[in-house]
Amino acid sequence: MGIDVPFVVGLMLAALVCEWYAPHNPNKSRLPSLFIPLSNNAYFHLHHWMYALLLLFVNPFEGFIEGWLCGILAQGISYEDSFTIIRVK
């Protein structure tokens, strides 16, 4: 079994693109975060890695797209607050 080149390319490109659009420094992010209000003082933070995980479960892709989604997931969970989903004001 050899290296799945399309998967590896997708993985690396996605991680680079995600780091450019949503860097670990929140003041330099090029995309807004998605927050869903739960109450007057709490909200649900929908992280970008959650989108990728959902897509991997809903429709298991292969090759480049699978690598791309895994790259988004890996970059997303590398944040310090990646598992902080419910936030209180």
Protein backbone atom coordinates (compact mmCIF):
# COMPACT_ATOMS: atom_id res chain seq x y z
CA MET A 1 0.00 0.00 0.00
CA GLY A 2 1.51 3.30 -1.13
CA ILE A 3 1.03 6.88 -0.15
CA ASP A 4 -2.29 8.37 -1.24
CA VAL A 5 -0.83 11.46 -2.90
CA PRO A 6 -4.17 13.26 -3.51
CA PHE A 7 -5.07 12.79 0.17
CA VAL A 8 -1.74 14.16 1.39
CA VAL A 9 -1.89 17.13 -1.01
CA GLY A 10 -5.45 17.92 0.11
CA LEU A 11 -4.45 17.63 3.77
CA MET A 12 -1.49 19.99 3.43
CA LEU A 13 -3.26 22.54 1.24
CA ALA A 14 -6.28 22.72 3.54
CA ALA A 15 -4.11 23.23 6.61
CA LEU A 16 -2.24 26.06 4.86
CA VAL A 17 -5.39 27.71 3.53
CA CYS A 18 -7.13 27.46 6.91
CA GLU A 19 -4.12 28.91 8.69
CA TRP A 20 -4.16 31.83 6.24
CA TYR A 21 -7.93 32.48 6.55
CA ALA A 22 -8.28 31.66 10.25
CA PRO A 23 -4.85 32.02 11.88
CA HIS A 24 -4.24 31.19 15.50
CA ASN A 25 -4.12 34.92 16.22
CA PRO A 26 -7.83 35.88 16.38
CA ASN A 27 -7.03 39.53 15.61
CA LYS A 28 -5.74 38.51 12.16
CA SER A 29 -8.64 36.27 11.12
CA ARG A 30 -9.97 36.96 7.64
CA LEU A 31 -13.31 35.24 8.25
CA PRO A 32 -15.94 35.92 10.91
CA SER A 33 -16.79 33.23 13.43
CA LEU A 34 -20.29 31.79 13.53
CA PHE A 35 -22.07 32.21 16.87
CA ILE A 36 -25.58 30.94 17.52
CA PRO A 37 -27.35 32.63 20.45
CA LEU A 38 -28.64 30.26 23.13
CA SER A 39 -29.82 32.87 25.63
CA ASN A 40 -29.18 36.51 26.50
CA ASN A 41 -25.74 35.70 27.86
CA ALA A 42 -24.68 32.44 26.15
CA TYR A 43 -24.00 31.34 22.63
CA PHE A 44 -22.87 28.29 20.67
CA HIS A 45 -19.60 28.72 18.75
CA LEU A 46 -19.67 26.66 15.55
CA HIS A 47 -15.98 26.00 14.79
CA HIS A 48 -14.78 25.35 11.23
CA TRP A 49 -13.49 21.90 12.19
CA MET A 50 -17.09 20.92 13.03
CA TYR A 51 -18.14 21.54 9.41
CA ALA A 52 -15.37 19.26 8.17
CA LEU A 53 -16.21 16.53 10.67
CA LEU A 54 -19.88 16.66 9.73
CA LEU A 55 -19.07 16.40 6.02
CA LEU A 56 -16.76 13.43 6.64
CA PHE A 57 -19.54 11.60 8.50
CA VAL A 58 -22.37 12.53 6.13
CA ASN A 59 -20.61 11.63 2.90
CA PRO A 60 -17.31 9.76 3.21
CA PHE A 61 -15.13 11.24 0.48
CA GLU A 62 -11.93 9.80 -0.92
CA GLY A 63 -8.63 11.22 -2.10
CA PHE A 64 -8.13 14.96 -2.29
CA ILE A 65 -11.49 15.97 -0.76
CA GLU A 66 -11.05 13.58 2.17
CA GLY A 67 -7.56 14.99 2.72
CA TRP A 68 -8.89 18.55 2.43
CA LEU A 69 -11.55 17.89 5.10
CA CYS A 70 -9.02 16.16 7.37
CA GLY A 71 -6.68 19.15 6.96
CA ILE A 72 -9.44 21.53 8.01
CA LEU A 73 -10.21 19.29 10.97
CA ALA A 74 -6.56 19.01 12.06
CA GLN A 75 -5.93 22.74 11.78
CA GLY A 76 -9.18 23.53 13.58
CA ILE A 77 -8.58 21.32 16.60
CA SER A 78 -5.08 22.73 17.04
CA TYR A 79 -6.56 25.92 18.53
CA GLU A 80 -6.30 26.40 22.27
CA ASP A 81 -10.09 26.91 22.50
CA SER A 82 -11.14 24.42 19.82
CA PHE A 83 -13.35 22.47 22.22
CA THR A 84 -14.90 25.54 23.87
CA ILE A 85 -18.29 25.34 22.22
CA ILE A 86 -20.65 27.04 24.67
CA ARG A 87 -19.51 30.52 25.61
CA VAL A 88 -20.94 32.85 28.22
CA LYS A 89 -20.69 36.65 27.87
